[in-house]
Amino acid sequence: MTKLTPSNILSTIKSDKRIDQNVEFDGEGERALIWLNEGWTWNALDGNRSVEAFILFTNQWEPADTVAFLKSRIKNIEPIR
């Protein structure tokens, strides 16, 4: 299982028109915030969230998310109704 890094996040989301390509990385380099473009949500049942945080491999306190997990979350993106 490949742990998330900034470069594999950017290559995974590249060309997906639903996702804002300007990923935010926190100051400690432990999390990535991925925003969706207007009209899309990570989870409609959770108040139409437009941002999702992912844990990077550099996080010393929590297990890192994987590329497979990111891809599974991307599959669940849906339009806001």
C-alpha atoms as a PDB file:
ATOM      1  CA  MET A   1       0.000   0.000   0.000  1.00  0.00           C
ATOM      2  CA  THR A   2       1.452   3.296  -1.107  1.00  0.00           C
ATOM      3  CA  LYS A   3       1.305   5.999   1.568  1.00  0.00           C
ATOM      4  CA  LEU A   4       0.228   9.486   0.523  1.00  0.00           C
ATOM      5  CA  THR A   5       2.858  12.005  -0.505  1.00  0.00           C
ATOM      6  CA  PRO A   6       2.331  15.450  -2.037  1.00  0.00           C
ATOM      7  CA  SER A   7       3.511  14.209  -5.445  1.00  0.00           C
ATOM      8  CA  ASN A   8       1.280  11.134  -5.606  1.00  0.00           C
ATOM      9  CA  ILE A   9      -1.716  13.218  -4.460  1.00  0.00           C
ATOM     10  CA  LEU A  10      -1.135  15.690  -7.280  1.00  0.00           C
ATOM     11  CA  SER A  11      -0.711  12.931  -9.866  1.00  0.00           C
ATOM     12  CA  THR A  12      -3.852  11.138  -8.636  1.00  0.00           C
ATOM     13  CA  ILE A  13      -6.106  14.219  -8.862  1.00  0.00           C
ATOM     14  CA  LYS A  14      -4.566  15.598 -12.047  1.00  0.00           C
ATOM     15  CA  SER A  15      -7.141  16.331 -14.748  1.00  0.00           C
ATOM     16  CA  ASP A  16     -10.150  15.662 -12.480  1.00  0.00           C
ATOM     17  CA  LYS A  17     -12.381  18.671 -13.200  1.00  0.00           C
ATOM     18  CA  ARG A  18     -14.301  18.170  -9.940  1.00  0.00           C
ATOM     19  CA  ILE A  19     -11.213  18.773  -7.800  1.00  0.00           C
ATOM     20  CA  ASP A  20      -9.440  22.096  -7.218  1.00  0.00           C
ATOM     21  CA  GLN A  21      -5.858  21.457  -8.308  1.00  0.00           C
ATOM     22  CA  ASN A  22      -4.445  23.816  -5.635  1.00  0.00           C
ATOM     23  CA  VAL A  23      -3.977  21.359  -2.777  1.00  0.00           C
ATOM     24  CA  GLU A  24      -3.156  22.919   0.594  1.00  0.00           C
ATOM     25  CA  PHE A  25      -0.474  21.297   2.722  1.00  0.00           C
ATOM     26  CA  ASP A  26      -0.378  22.254   6.388  1.00  0.00           C
ATOM     27  CA  GLY A  27       2.684  23.989   7.800  1.00  0.00           C
ATOM     28  CA  GLU A  28       3.962  20.822   9.435  1.00  0.00           C
ATOM     29  CA  GLY A  29       3.629  18.795   6.229  1.00  0.00           C
ATOM     30  CA  GLU A  30       1.406  16.252   7.921  1.00  0.00           C
ATOM     31  CA  ARG A  31      -1.936  16.804   6.170  1.00  0.00           C
ATOM     32  CA  ALA A  32      -3.229  17.709   2.751  1.00  0.00           C
ATOM     33  CA  LEU A  33      -6.486  19.604   2.310  1.00  0.00           C
ATOM     34  CA  ILE A  34      -8.180  18.840  -0.981  1.00  0.00           C
ATOM     35  CA  TRP A  35     -10.979  21.173  -2.059  1.00  0.00           C
ATOM     36  CA  LEU A  36     -13.649  20.396  -4.597  1.00  0.00           C
ATOM     37  CA  ASN A  37     -14.787  22.823  -7.248  1.00  0.00           C
ATOM     38  CA  GLU A  38     -18.183  24.449  -6.889  1.00  0.00           C
ATOM     39  CA  GLY A  39     -21.100  22.091  -7.375  1.00  0.00           C
ATOM     40  CA  TRP A  40     -19.382  18.960  -5.984  1.00  0.00           C
ATOM     41  CA  THR A  41     -19.284  17.352  -2.539  1.00  0.00           C
ATOM     42  CA  TRP A  42     -17.256  14.688  -0.759  1.00  0.00           C
ATOM     43  CA  ASN A  43     -20.355  13.633   1.154  1.00  0.00           C
ATOM     44  CA  ALA A  44     -23.881  14.984   0.659  1.00  0.00           C
ATOM     45  CA  LEU A  45     -25.055  13.358   3.893  1.00  0.00           C
ATOM     46  CA  ASP A  46     -22.412  15.310   5.809  1.00  0.00           C
ATOM     47  CA  GLY A  47     -23.600  18.780   4.819  1.00  0.00           C
ATOM     48  CA  ASN A  48     -22.140  18.890   1.315  1.00  0.00           C
ATOM     49  CA  ARG A  49     -18.523  19.174   2.424  1.00  0.00           C
ATOM     50  CA  SER A  50     -16.246  20.712  -0.171  1.00  0.00           C
ATOM     51  CA  VAL A  51     -12.965  19.911   1.613  1.00  0.00           C
ATOM     52  CA  GLU A  52     -11.400  16.678   2.812  1.00  0.00           C
ATOM     53  CA  ALA A  53      -8.209  16.273   4.875  1.00  0.00           C
ATOM     54  CA  PHE A  54      -5.808  13.422   4.172  1.00  0.00           C
ATOM     55  CA  ILE A  55      -2.935  12.323   6.399  1.00  0.00           C
ATOM     56  CA  LEU A  56       0.480  12.324   4.729  1.00  0.00           C
ATOM     57  CA  PHE A  57       3.302   9.825   5.261  1.00  0.00           C
ATOM     58  CA  THR A  58       5.247  12.442   7.273  1.00  0.00           C
ATOM     59  CA  ASN A  59       2.670  12.542  10.091  1.00  0.00           C
ATOM     60  CA  GLN A  60       4.349  11.279  13.249  1.00  0.00           C
ATOM     61  CA  TRP A  61       1.152  10.880  15.291  1.00  0.00           C
ATOM     62  CA  GLU A  62      -1.367   9.203  12.992  1.00  0.00           C
ATOM     63  CA  PRO A  63      -1.110   6.427  10.406  1.00  0.00           C
ATOM     64  CA  ALA A  64      -0.820   7.779   6.876  1.00  0.00           C
ATOM     65  CA  ASP A  65      -3.631   7.488   4.369  1.00  0.00           C
ATOM     66  CA  THR A  66      -2.917   5.567   1.180  1.00  0.00           C
ATOM     67  CA  VAL A  67      -3.330   6.284  -2.510  1.00  0.00           C
ATOM     68  CA  ALA A  68      -5.991   3.555  -2.597  1.00  0.00           C
ATOM     69  CA  PHE A  69      -7.951   5.369   0.139  1.00  0.00           C
ATOM     70  CA  LEU A  70      -7.719   8.676  -1.764  1.00  0.00           C
ATOM     71  CA  LYS A  71      -8.979   6.973  -4.927  1.00  0.00           C
ATOM     72  CA  SER A  72     -11.881   5.415  -3.025  1.00  0.00           C
ATOM     73  CA  ARG A  73     -12.862   8.837  -1.676  1.00  0.00           C
ATOM     74  CA  ILE A  74     -12.648  10.349  -5.175  1.00  0.00           C
ATOM     75  CA  LYS A  75     -15.049   7.671  -6.464  1.00  0.00           C
ATOM     76  CA  ASN A  76     -17.616   8.906  -3.936  1.00  0.00           C
ATOM     77  CA  ILE A  77     -17.565  12.558  -5.059  1.00  0.00           C
ATOM     78  CA  GLU A  78     -21.058  13.533  -6.127  1.00  0.00           C
ATOM     79  CA  PRO A  79     -22.832  16.609  -7.465  1.00  0.00           C
ATOM     80  CA  ILE A  80     -24.571  18.879  -4.984  1.00  0.00           C
ATOM     81  CA  ARG A  81     -28.321  18.761  -5.516  1.00  0.00           C
END
